[in-house]
C-alpha atoms as a PDB file:
ATOM      1  CA  MET A   1      88.252  90.270 123.207  1.00  0.00           C
ATOM      2  CA  GLY A   2      87.440  87.931 120.309  1.00  0.00           C
ATOM      3  CA  SER A   3      88.433  90.257 117.455  1.00  0.00           C
ATOM      4  CA  PHE A   4      91.887  91.394 116.448  1.00  0.00           C
ATOM      5  CA  SER A   5      92.739  94.960 115.593  1.00  0.00           C
ATOM      6  CA  ILE A   6      94.784  96.012 112.587  1.00  0.00           C
ATOM      7  CA  TRP A   7      97.882  96.278 114.803  1.00  0.00           C
ATOM      8  CA  HIS A   8      97.641  92.605 115.760  1.00  0.00           C
ATOM      9  CA  TRP A   9      97.628  91.621 112.083  1.00  0.00           C
ATOM     10  CA  VAL A  10     100.546  93.964 111.315  1.00  0.00           C
ATOM     11  CA  ILE A  11     102.619  92.369 114.085  1.00  0.00           C
ATOM     12  CA  VAL A  12     101.745  88.864 112.840  1.00  0.00           C
ATOM     13  CA  LEU A  13     102.725  89.856 109.284  1.00  0.00           C
ATOM     14  CA  VAL A  14     106.073  91.268 110.466  1.00  0.00           C
ATOM     15  CA  VAL A  15     106.832  88.091 112.432  1.00  0.00           C
ATOM     16  CA  VAL A  16     105.977  85.887 109.441  1.00  0.00           C
ATOM     17  CA  ILE A  17     108.222  87.972 107.169  1.00  0.00           C
ATOM     18  CA  LEU A  18     111.057  87.795 109.687  1.00  0.00           C
ATOM     19  CA  VAL A  19     110.730  84.032 110.074  1.00  0.00           C
ATOM     20  CA  PHE A  20     110.305  83.044 106.422  1.00  0.00           C
ATOM     21  CA  GLY A  21     111.819  85.969 104.530  1.00  0.00           C
ATOM     22  CA  THR A  22     110.329  87.762 101.562  1.00  0.00           C
ATOM     23  CA  LYS A  23     111.991  85.569  98.938  1.00  0.00           C
ATOM     24  CA  LYS A  24     110.561  82.346 100.340  1.00  0.00           C
ATOM     25  CA  LEU A  25     107.092  83.911 100.672  1.00  0.00           C
ATOM     26  CA  GLY A  26     107.301  85.051  97.038  1.00  0.00           C
ATOM     27  CA  ASN A  27     108.236  81.544  95.924  1.00  0.00           C
ATOM     28  CA  VAL A  28     105.328  80.068  97.865  1.00  0.00           C
ATOM     29  CA  GLY A  29     102.958  82.527  96.214  1.00  0.00           C
ATOM     30  CA  ALA A  30     104.279  81.731  92.733  1.00  0.00           C
ATOM     31  CA  ASP A  31     104.044  77.982  93.355  1.00  0.00           C
ATOM     32  CA  LEU A  32     100.500  78.345  94.636  1.00  0.00           C
ATOM     33  CA  GLY A  33      99.533  80.338  91.535  1.00  0.00           C
ATOM     34  CA  LYS A  34     100.982  77.665  89.236  1.00  0.00           C
ATOM     35  CA  ALA A  35      99.123  74.952  91.134  1.00  0.00           C
ATOM     36  CA  VAL A  36      95.803  76.794  90.846  1.00  0.00           C
ATOM     37  CA  LYS A  37      96.365  77.404  87.116  1.00  0.00           C
ATOM     38  CA  GLY A  38      97.226  73.735  86.564  1.00  0.00           C
ATOM     39  CA  PHE A  39      94.109  72.688  88.443  1.00  0.00           C
ATOM     40  CA  LYS A  40      91.905  74.978  86.352  1.00  0.00           C
ATOM     41  CA  ASP A  41      93.442  73.647  83.131  1.00  0.00           C
ATOM     42  CA  GLY A  42      92.866  70.081  84.296  1.00  0.00           C
ATOM     43  CA  VAL A  43      89.236  70.761  85.136  1.00  0.00           C
ATOM     44  CA  LYS A  44      88.539  72.304  81.718  1.00  0.00           C
ATOM     45  CA  GLY A  45      89.164  69.004  79.963  1.00  0.00           C
ATOM     46  CA  GLU A  46      90.365  68.064  76.518  1.00  0.00           C
ATOM     47  CA  GLU A  47      87.532  69.663  74.533  1.00  0.00           C
ATOM     48  CA  ASP A  48      88.256  73.142  75.894  1.00  0.00           C
ATOM     49  CA  LYS A  49      91.936  73.206  74.872  1.00  0.00           C
ATOM     50  CA  PRO A  50      92.921  75.782  72.265  1.00  0.00           C
ATOM     51  CA  ALA A  51      93.146  74.558  68.672  1.00  0.00           C
ATOM     52  CA  THR A  52      96.931  74.975  68.576  1.00  0.00           C
ATOM     53  CA  GLN A  53      97.399  72.528  71.433  1.00  0.00           C
ATOM     54  CA  GLN A  54      95.026  70.009  69.839  1.00  0.00           C
ATOM     55  CA  THR A  55      96.821  70.346  66.486  1.00  0.00           C
ATOM     56  CA  ALA A  56     100.222  69.937  68.097  1.00  0.00           C
ATOM     57  CA  GLN A  57      99.060  66.850  70.000  1.00  0.00           C
ATOM     58  CA  SER A  58      97.578  65.262  66.862  1.00  0.00           C
ATOM     59  CA  THR A  59     100.846  65.956  64.984  1.00  0.00           C
ATOM     60  CA  ILE A  60     102.807  64.250  67.744  1.00  0.00           C
ATOM     61  CA  ASP A  61     100.415  61.286  67.632  1.00  0.00           C
ATOM     62  CA  VAL A  62     100.776  60.942  63.845  1.00  0.00           C
ATOM     63  CA  ASP A  63     104.576  61.145  64.070  1.00  0.00           C
ATOM     64  CA  ALA A  64     104.632  58.468  66.755  1.00  0.00           C
ATOM     65  CA  LYS A  65     102.443  56.145  64.664  1.00  0.00           C
ATOM     66  CA  GLU A  66     104.666  56.616  61.604  1.00  0.00           C
ATOM     67  CA  LYS A  67     107.807  55.849  63.602  1.00  0.00           C
ATOM     68  CA  SER A  68     106.275  52.742  65.111  1.00  0.00           C
ATOM     69  CA  LYS A  69     105.399  51.419  61.619  1.00  0.00           C
ATOM     70  CA  GLN A  70     109.006  51.755  60.431  1.00  0.00           C
END
């Protein structure tokens, strides 16, 4: 009584697909993946960024300082 069979889950999946549509479910999945990736990148911190990102950021900082002096 407390457990669901595979057929219960199949019916639930079909209802969810009918209600939301496959395109919207795909968009939700993609958005969730981007959010998880952004969270992981944020947790890593500044010291774990690849050298190219650190170099690009330092170049931007130098350019901004030069422009502010002018």
